C-alpha atoms as a PDB file:
ATOM      1  CA  UNK A   1      -5.635 -18.499  38.895  1.00  0.00           C
ATOM      2  CA  UNK A   2      -1.948 -17.726  38.526  1.00  0.00           C
ATOM      3  CA  UNK A   3      -0.604 -15.816  35.544  1.00  0.00           C
ATOM      4  CA  UNK A   4       1.572 -18.793  34.519  1.00  0.00           C
ATOM      5  CA  UNK A   5      -1.480 -21.088  34.470  1.00  0.00           C
ATOM      6  CA  UNK A   6      -3.431 -18.578  32.359  1.00  0.00           C
ATOM      7  CA  UNK A   7      -0.495 -18.365  29.940  1.00  0.00           C
ATOM      8  CA  UNK A   8      -0.299 -22.170  29.612  1.00  0.00           C
ATOM      9  CA  UNK A   9      -4.047 -22.435  28.975  1.00  0.00           C
ATOM     10  CA  UNK A  10      -3.934 -19.706  26.336  1.00  0.00           C
ATOM     11  CA  UNK A  11      -0.913 -21.334  24.680  1.00  0.00           C
ATOM     12  CA  UNK A  12      -2.633 -24.733  24.600  1.00  0.00           C
ATOM     13  CA  UNK A  13      -5.753 -23.197  23.056  1.00  0.00           C
ATOM     14  CA  UNK A  14      -3.669 -21.431  20.428  1.00  0.00           C
ATOM     15  CA  UNK A  15      -1.818 -24.656  19.538  1.00  0.00           C
ATOM     16  CA  UNK A  16      -5.125 -26.546  19.248  1.00  0.00           C
ATOM     17  CA  UNK A  17      -6.586 -23.848  16.989  1.00  0.00           C
ATOM     18  CA  UNK A  18      -3.448 -23.864  14.823  1.00  0.00           C
ATOM     19  CA  UNK A  19      -3.580 -27.659  14.496  1.00  0.00           C
ATOM     20  CA  UNK A  20      -7.256 -27.558  13.542  1.00  0.00           C
ATOM     21  CA  UNK A  21      -6.580 -24.924  10.900  1.00  0.00           C
ATOM     22  CA  UNK A  22      -3.683 -26.939   9.469  1.00  0.00           C
ATOM     23  CA  UNK A  23      -5.894 -30.055   9.294  1.00  0.00           C
ATOM     24  CA  UNK A  24      -8.619 -28.128   7.479  1.00  0.00           C
ATOM     25  CA  UNK A  25      -6.042 -26.783   5.015  1.00  0.00           C
ATOM     26  CA  UNK A  26      -4.805 -30.298   4.273  1.00  0.00           C
ATOM     27  CA  UNK A  27      -8.340 -31.521   3.609  1.00  0.00           C
ATOM     28  CA  UNK A  28      -9.274 -28.560   1.386  1.00  0.00           C
ATOM     29  CA  UNK A  29      -9.566 -29.349  -2.316  1.00  0.00           C
ATOM     30  CA  UNK A  30     -10.124 -26.577  -4.916  1.00  0.00           C
ATOM     31  CA  UNK A  31     -13.292 -27.029  -6.955  1.00  0.00           C
ATOM     32  CA  UNK A  32     -12.081 -25.139 -10.034  1.00  0.00           C
ATOM     33  CA  UNK A  33      -9.280 -25.916 -12.493  1.00  0.00           C
ATOM     34  CA  UNK A  34      -5.716 -24.898 -11.642  1.00  0.00           C
ATOM     35  CA  UNK A  35      -4.726 -21.480 -12.972  1.00  0.00           C
ATOM     36  CA  UNK A  36      -1.846 -21.372 -15.459  1.00  0.00           C
ATOM     37  CA  UNK A  37       1.399 -19.692 -14.404  1.00  0.00           C
ATOM     38  CA  UNK A  38       0.842 -16.924 -16.982  1.00  0.00           C
ATOM     39  CA  UNK A  39      -2.413 -15.948 -15.276  1.00  0.00           C
ATOM     40  CA  UNK A  40      -0.905 -16.018 -11.790  1.00  0.00           C
ATOM     41  CA  UNK A  41       1.997 -13.815 -12.921  1.00  0.00           C
ATOM     42  CA  UNK A  42      -0.197 -11.043 -14.356  1.00  0.00           C
ATOM     43  CA  UNK A  43      -0.482  -7.705 -12.612  1.00  0.00           C
ATOM     44  CA  UNK A  44      -3.774  -6.826 -11.007  1.00  0.00           C
ATOM     45  CA  UNK A  45      -6.014  -4.623 -13.121  1.00  0.00           C
ATOM     46  CA  UNK A  46      -5.800  -1.868 -10.509  1.00  0.00           C
ATOM     47  CA  UNK A  47      -4.444  -1.469  -6.973  1.00  0.00           C
ATOM     48  CA  UNK A  48      -3.319   1.033  -4.349  1.00  0.00           C
ATOM     49  CA  UNK A  49      -6.066   3.607  -5.011  1.00  0.00           C
ATOM     50  CA  UNK A  50      -5.729   6.884  -3.079  1.00  0.00           C
ATOM     51  CA  UNK A  51      -7.617  10.172  -2.964  1.00  0.00           C
ATOM     52  CA  UNK A  52      -6.061  13.647  -3.004  1.00  0.00           C
ATOM     53  CA  UNK A  53      -6.232  15.806   0.150  1.00  0.00           C
ATOM     54  CA  UNK A  54      -8.879  18.076  -1.415  1.00  0.00           C
ATOM     55  CA  UNK A  55     -10.903  15.110  -2.693  1.00  0.00           C
ATOM     56  CA  UNK A  56     -10.782  16.278  -6.309  1.00  0.00           C
ATOM     57  CA  UNK A  57      -8.684  13.418  -7.702  1.00  0.00           C
ATOM     58  CA  UNK A  58      -8.371   9.652  -7.271  1.00  0.00           C
ATOM     59  CA  UNK A  59      -5.241   7.835  -8.426  1.00  0.00           C
ATOM     60  CA  UNK A  60      -4.267   4.174  -8.651  1.00  0.00           C
ATOM     61  CA  UNK A  61      -1.615   1.869 -10.100  1.00  0.00           C
ATOM     62  CA  UNK A  62      -2.914  -0.126 -13.073  1.00  0.00           C
ATOM     63  CA  UNK A  63      -1.517  -3.229 -14.740  1.00  0.00           C
ATOM     64  CA  UNK A  64      -0.828  -3.108 -18.471  1.00  0.00           C
ATOM     65  CA  UNK A  65      -0.530  -6.297 -20.570  1.00  0.00           C
ATOM     66  CA  UNK A  66       3.017  -6.737 -21.814  1.00  0.00           C
ATOM     67  CA  UNK A  67       4.439  -3.605 -20.192  1.00  0.00           C
ATOM     68  CA  UNK A  68       5.202  -1.944 -16.872  1.00  0.00           C
ATOM     69  CA  UNK A  69       2.289  -0.783 -14.683  1.00  0.00           C
ATOM     70  CA  UNK A  70       1.100   2.804 -15.093  1.00  0.00           C
ATOM     71  CA  UNK A  71      -0.421   5.398 -12.778  1.00  0.00           C
ATOM     72  CA  UNK A  72      -3.915   6.610 -13.625  1.00  0.00           C
ATOM     73  CA  UNK A  73      -5.534   9.748 -12.206  1.00  0.00           C
ATOM     74  CA  UNK A  74      -9.275  10.432 -12.348  1.00  0.00           C
ATOM     75  CA  UNK A  75     -11.085  13.706 -11.668  1.00  0.00           C
ATOM     76  CA  UNK A  76     -13.870  13.192  -9.130  1.00  0.00           C
ATOM     77  CA  UNK A  77     -15.920  15.869 -10.912  1.00  0.00           C
ATOM     78  CA  UNK A  78     -16.697  13.314 -13.627  1.00  0.00           C
ATOM     79  CA  UNK A  79     -15.428   9.766 -13.083  1.00  0.00           C
ATOM     80  CA  UNK A  80     -16.825   8.706 -16.467  1.00  0.00           C
ATOM     81  CA  UNK A  81     -14.090  10.643 -18.279  1.00  0.00           C
ATOM     82  CA  UNK A  82     -10.915   8.701 -19.212  1.00  0.00           C
ATOM     83  CA  UNK A  83      -8.189   9.132 -16.573  1.00  0.00           C
ATOM     84  CA  UNK A  84      -4.864  10.819 -17.140  1.00  0.00           C
ATOM     85  CA  UNK A  85      -2.147   8.211 -17.369  1.00  0.00           C
ATOM     86  CA  UNK A  86       1.638   7.993 -17.304  1.00  0.00           C
ATOM     87  CA  UNK A  87       4.232   5.234 -17.061  1.00  0.00           C
ATOM     88  CA  UNK A  88       7.881   4.389 -17.656  1.00  0.00           C
ATOM     89  CA  UNK A  89       9.717   2.052 -20.003  1.00  0.00           C
ATOM     90  CA  UNK A  90      12.595   1.518 -17.576  1.00  0.00           C
ATOM     91  CA  UNK A  91      10.937   1.725 -14.140  1.00  0.00           C
ATOM     92  CA  UNK A  92       8.215  -0.452 -12.678  1.00  0.00           C
ATOM     93  CA  UNK A  93       5.797   1.580 -10.538  1.00  0.00           C
ATOM     94  CA  UNK A  94       4.997  -0.137  -7.241  1.00  0.00           C
ATOM     95  CA  UNK A  95       3.052   2.570  -5.382  1.00  0.00           C
ATOM     96  CA  UNK A  96       2.593   6.273  -4.684  1.00  0.00           C
ATOM     97  CA  UNK A  97       1.193   8.861  -2.272  1.00  0.00           C
ATOM     98  CA  UNK A  98      -0.427  12.234  -2.734  1.00  0.00           C
ATOM     99  CA  UNK A  99       1.964  14.755  -1.175  1.00  0.00           C
ATOM    100  CA  UNK A 100      -0.202  17.695  -2.224  1.00  0.00           C
ATOM    101  CA  UNK A 101      -3.296  18.302  -4.321  1.00  0.00           C
ATOM    102  CA  UNK A 102      -1.183  18.535  -7.464  1.00  0.00           C
ATOM    103  CA  UNK A 103       1.829  16.237  -6.846  1.00  0.00           C
ATOM    104  CA  UNK A 104       2.496  12.550  -6.297  1.00  0.00           C
ATOM    105  CA  UNK A 105       5.418  10.862  -4.575  1.00  0.00           C
ATOM    106  CA  UNK A 106       5.943   7.831  -6.811  1.00  0.00           C
ATOM    107  CA  UNK A 107       7.783   4.633  -5.846  1.00  0.00           C
ATOM    108  CA  UNK A 108       9.307   2.236  -8.359  1.00  0.00           C
ATOM    109  CA  UNK A 109      11.920  -0.426  -8.972  1.00  0.00           C
ATOM    110  CA  UNK A 110      14.395  -0.347 -11.826  1.00  0.00           C
ATOM    111  CA  UNK A 111      16.526  -3.219 -13.165  1.00  0.00           C
ATOM    112  CA  UNK A 112      20.254  -2.465 -13.326  1.00  0.00           C
ATOM    113  CA  UNK A 113      22.554  -4.710 -15.338  1.00  0.00           C
ATOM    114  CA  UNK A 114      25.969  -5.153 -13.723  1.00  0.00           C
ATOM    115  CA  UNK A 115      26.997  -8.694 -14.520  1.00  0.00           C
ATOM    116  CA  UNK A 116      26.853 -10.915 -11.450  1.00  0.00           C
ATOM    117  CA  UNK A 117      25.769  -7.887  -9.385  1.00  0.00           C
ATOM    118  CA  UNK A 118      22.656  -7.166 -11.485  1.00  0.00           C
ATOM    119  CA  UNK A 119      19.753  -6.193  -9.255  1.00  0.00           C
ATOM    120  CA  UNK A 120      16.562  -4.162  -8.909  1.00  0.00           C
ATOM    121  CA  UNK A 121      17.105  -0.663  -7.490  1.00  0.00           C
ATOM    122  CA  UNK A 122      14.442   1.179  -5.532  1.00  0.00           C
ATOM    123  CA  UNK A 123      13.547   4.551  -7.008  1.00  0.00           C
ATOM    124  CA  UNK A 124      11.443   7.529  -5.926  1.00  0.00           C
ATOM    125  CA  UNK A 125      10.240  10.556  -7.860  1.00  0.00           C
ATOM    126  CA  UNK A 126       7.975  13.577  -7.626  1.00  0.00           C
ATOM    127  CA  UNK A 127       5.408  13.777 -10.421  1.00  0.00           C
ATOM    128  CA  UNK A 128       2.553  16.022 -11.430  1.00  0.00           C
ATOM    129  CA  UNK A 129      -0.862  14.400 -11.788  1.00  0.00           C
ATOM    130  CA  UNK A 130      -0.500  14.036 -15.548  1.00  0.00           C
ATOM    131  CA  UNK A 131       3.141  12.939 -15.444  1.00  0.00           C
ATOM    132  CA  UNK A 132       4.290  15.945 -17.488  1.00  0.00           C
ATOM    133  CA  UNK A 133       6.835  16.834 -14.784  1.00  0.00           C
ATOM    134  CA  UNK A 134       8.874  13.984 -13.298  1.00  0.00           C
ATOM    135  CA  UNK A 135      11.703  14.646 -10.829  1.00  0.00           C
ATOM    136  CA  UNK A 136      13.855  11.674  -9.758  1.00  0.00           C
ATOM    137  CA  UNK A 137      14.800  12.038  -6.088  1.00  0.00           C
ATOM    138  CA  UNK A 138      16.477   8.663  -5.563  1.00  0.00           C
ATOM    139  CA  UNK A 139      19.902   8.546  -3.970  1.00  0.00           C
ATOM    140  CA  UNK A 140      21.143   5.016  -4.700  1.00  0.00           C
ATOM    141  CA  UNK A 141      24.431   6.580  -5.799  1.00  0.00           C
ATOM    142  CA  UNK A 142      24.985   8.320  -2.469  1.00  0.00           C
ATOM    143  CA  UNK A 143      27.811   7.148  -0.194  1.00  0.00           C
ATOM    144  CA  UNK A 144      26.626   4.327   2.023  1.00  0.00           C
ATOM    145  CA  UNK A 145      27.625   3.649   5.607  1.00  0.00           C
ATOM    146  CA  UNK A 146      28.967   0.147   4.950  1.00  0.00           C
ATOM    147  CA  UNK A 147      29.831  -2.093   2.020  1.00  0.00           C
ATOM    148  CA  UNK A 148      26.769  -4.343   2.250  1.00  0.00           C
ATOM    149  CA  UNK A 149      24.313  -1.483   2.809  1.00  0.00           C
ATOM    150  CA  UNK A 150      21.739  -0.585   0.172  1.00  0.00           C
ATOM    151  CA  UNK A 151      18.314   1.022  -0.142  1.00  0.00           C
ATOM    152  CA  UNK A 152      15.355  -1.328   0.292  1.00  0.00           C
ATOM    153  CA  UNK A 153      12.611   1.159  -0.483  1.00  0.00           C
ATOM    154  CA  UNK A 154      10.982   4.531   0.038  1.00  0.00           C
ATOM    155  CA  UNK A 155       7.736   5.572   1.724  1.00  0.00           C
ATOM    156  CA  UNK A 156       5.888   8.692   2.819  1.00  0.00           C
ATOM    157  CA  UNK A 157       6.305   9.085   6.585  1.00  0.00           C
ATOM    158  CA  UNK A 158       4.363  12.296   7.279  1.00  0.00           C
ATOM    159  CA  UNK A 159       2.650  14.716   4.908  1.00  0.00           C
ATOM    160  CA  UNK A 160       3.202  17.584   7.400  1.00  0.00           C
ATOM    161  CA  UNK A 161      -0.190  19.265   6.916  1.00  0.00           C
ATOM    162  CA  UNK A 162       1.054  22.506   8.471  1.00  0.00           C
ATOM    163  CA  UNK A 163       3.818  22.931   5.883  1.00  0.00           C
ATOM    164  CA  UNK A 164       3.035  23.721   2.263  1.00  0.00           C
ATOM    165  CA  UNK A 165       6.017  22.434   0.294  1.00  0.00           C
ATOM    166  CA  UNK A 166       7.754  19.937   2.615  1.00  0.00           C
ATOM    167  CA  UNK A 167       6.964  16.333   3.622  1.00  0.00           C
ATOM    168  CA  UNK A 168       8.812  13.683   5.599  1.00  0.00           C
ATOM    169  CA  UNK A 169       9.967  10.734   3.498  1.00  0.00           C
ATOM    170  CA  UNK A 170      11.417   7.496   4.854  1.00  0.00           C
ATOM    171  CA  UNK A 171      14.369   5.832   3.130  1.00  0.00           C
ATOM    172  CA  UNK A 172      14.694   2.213   4.235  1.00  0.00           C
ATOM    173  CA  UNK A 173      18.199   0.696   4.171  1.00  0.00           C
ATOM    174  CA  UNK A 174      19.767  -2.500   5.445  1.00  0.00           C
ATOM    175  CA  UNK A 175      21.523  -0.449   8.133  1.00  0.00           C
ATOM    176  CA  UNK A 176      18.302   1.215   9.307  1.00  0.00           C
ATOM    177  CA  UNK A 177      15.761   3.810   8.275  1.00  0.00           C
ATOM    178  CA  UNK A 178      16.414   7.451   7.552  1.00  0.00           C
ATOM    179  CA  UNK A 179      13.757  10.173   7.676  1.00  0.00           C
ATOM    180  CA  UNK A 180      14.396  13.173   5.440  1.00  0.00           C
ATOM    181  CA  UNK A 181      12.634  16.477   4.905  1.00  0.00           C
ATOM    182  CA  UNK A 182      11.750  16.444   1.214  1.00  0.00           C
ATOM    183  CA  UNK A 183      11.227  19.760  -0.581  1.00  0.00           C
ATOM    184  CA  UNK A 184       8.434  19.243  -3.100  1.00  0.00           C
ATOM    185  CA  UNK A 185       9.638  22.053  -5.361  1.00  0.00           C
ATOM    186  CA  UNK A 186      13.335  21.244  -5.615  1.00  0.00           C
ATOM    187  CA  UNK A 187      13.572  17.588  -4.557  1.00  0.00           C
ATOM    188  CA  UNK A 188      16.169  18.478  -1.920  1.00  0.00           C
ATOM    189  CA  UNK A 189      16.418  16.016   0.981  1.00  0.00           C
ATOM    190  CA  UNK A 190      17.683  17.083   4.425  1.00  0.00           C
ATOM    191  CA  UNK A 191      18.261  14.409   7.079  1.00  0.00           C
ATOM    192  CA  UNK A 192      15.713  14.671   9.866  1.00  0.00           C
ATOM    193  CA  UNK A 193      16.226  11.475  11.886  1.00  0.00           C
ATOM    194  CA  UNK A 194      17.885   8.073  11.590  1.00  0.00           C
ATOM    195  CA  UNK A 195      17.431   4.718  13.307  1.00  0.00           C
ATOM    196  CA  UNK A 196      20.013   2.109  14.194  1.00  0.00           C
ATOM    197  CA  UNK A 197      20.009  -1.609  13.356  1.00  0.00           C
ATOM    198  CA  UNK A 198      16.711  -3.354  14.166  1.00  0.00           C
ATOM    199  CA  UNK A 199      14.987  -0.038  14.935  1.00  0.00           C
ATOM    200  CA  UNK A 200      12.050   1.602  13.180  1.00  0.00           C
ATOM    201  CA  UNK A 201      10.131   4.861  13.462  1.00  0.00           C
ATOM    202  CA  UNK A 202       6.427   4.091  13.786  1.00  0.00           C
ATOM    203  CA  UNK A 203       4.511   7.361  14.146  1.00  0.00           C
ATOM    204  CA  UNK A 204       4.913  11.140  14.329  1.00  0.00           C
ATOM    205  CA  UNK A 205       2.482  13.947  15.135  1.00  0.00           C
ATOM    206  CA  UNK A 206       1.219  16.684  12.812  1.00  0.00           C
ATOM    207  CA  UNK A 207       4.374  18.726  13.368  1.00  0.00           C
ATOM    208  CA  UNK A 208       6.650  15.818  12.457  1.00  0.00           C
ATOM    209  CA  UNK A 209       7.803  15.099  16.011  1.00  0.00           C
ATOM    210  CA  UNK A 210       8.479  11.353  16.279  1.00  0.00           C
ATOM    211  CA  UNK A 211       6.293   9.955  19.042  1.00  0.00           C
ATOM    212  CA  UNK A 212       6.745   6.206  18.717  1.00  0.00           C
ATOM    213  CA  UNK A 213       9.754   4.021  17.910  1.00  0.00           C
ATOM    214  CA  UNK A 214      10.167   0.265  17.865  1.00  0.00           C
ATOM    215  CA  UNK A 215      13.217  -1.946  18.364  1.00  0.00           C
ATOM    216  CA  UNK A 216      13.658  -5.681  17.870  1.00  0.00           C
ATOM    217  CA  UNK A 217      15.997  -7.216  20.438  1.00  0.00           C
ATOM    218  CA  UNK A 218      17.418 -10.739  20.455  1.00  0.00           C
ATOM    219  CA  UNK A 219      18.628 -12.463  23.631  1.00  0.00           C
ATOM    220  CA  UNK A 220      19.181 -16.164  24.214  1.00  0.00           C
ATOM    221  CA  UNK A 221      17.363 -17.037  21.003  1.00  0.00           C
ATOM    222  CA  UNK A 222      14.265 -15.053  22.004  1.00  0.00           C
ATOM    223  CA  UNK A 223      13.006 -12.158  19.864  1.00  0.00           C
ATOM    224  CA  UNK A 224      11.366  -9.286  21.756  1.00  0.00           C
ATOM    225  CA  UNK A 225       9.891  -6.155  20.196  1.00  0.00           C
ATOM    226  CA  UNK A 226      10.076  -3.026  22.365  1.00  0.00           C
ATOM    227  CA  UNK A 227       8.101   0.197  21.968  1.00  0.00           C
ATOM    228  CA  UNK A 228       9.557   3.544  23.024  1.00  0.00           C
ATOM    229  CA  UNK A 229       7.563   6.717  23.739  1.00  0.00           C
ATOM    230  CA  UNK A 230       9.393  10.037  24.146  1.00  0.00           C
END
């Protein structure tokens, strides 16, 4: 059987399965009462749980009624003890990563009032497990490469297990992603790598060497995603 015939058969099967699923969705009727908007808008009780590299602590983001979410940290020696907890009145925590056994890389959004240009800014900070030390490492104020460029978010790219006080952090912008070497003691960020438009770094090895990159290309109305291996 030719490859084109196989492709047409697979496409037909996929379309039939999609149509069947859509029909089932149309016929589905919830058995319980509709939830009010207030309930749907509430934060989850807890999400994004992670464990420290040494296994001695577990942390998670927790919703708080009437206020911004907080980060809670439990000691695995005795999970029955109340967790340490810290939050912010101005920033809304959205996630975090353990970057060492004693520090968290925290991600948040912060509302900024600027008239018609009011928006939510992405923020990042280094924090101790009890929140007693909190170092803002965001660079929203840094010079951007073009007028419509801005930071979309931050994420941990590589913990660099062979280095004690440095990790790779990804800063996502409209113009592309930038990987920086983040010093956990000082908060200093040194550019390590940068993508172009429609590119993304996907994976690096234990030494931080980028081993996989992706690029979305558009030609004649067709979107194609390409993978590149060094």
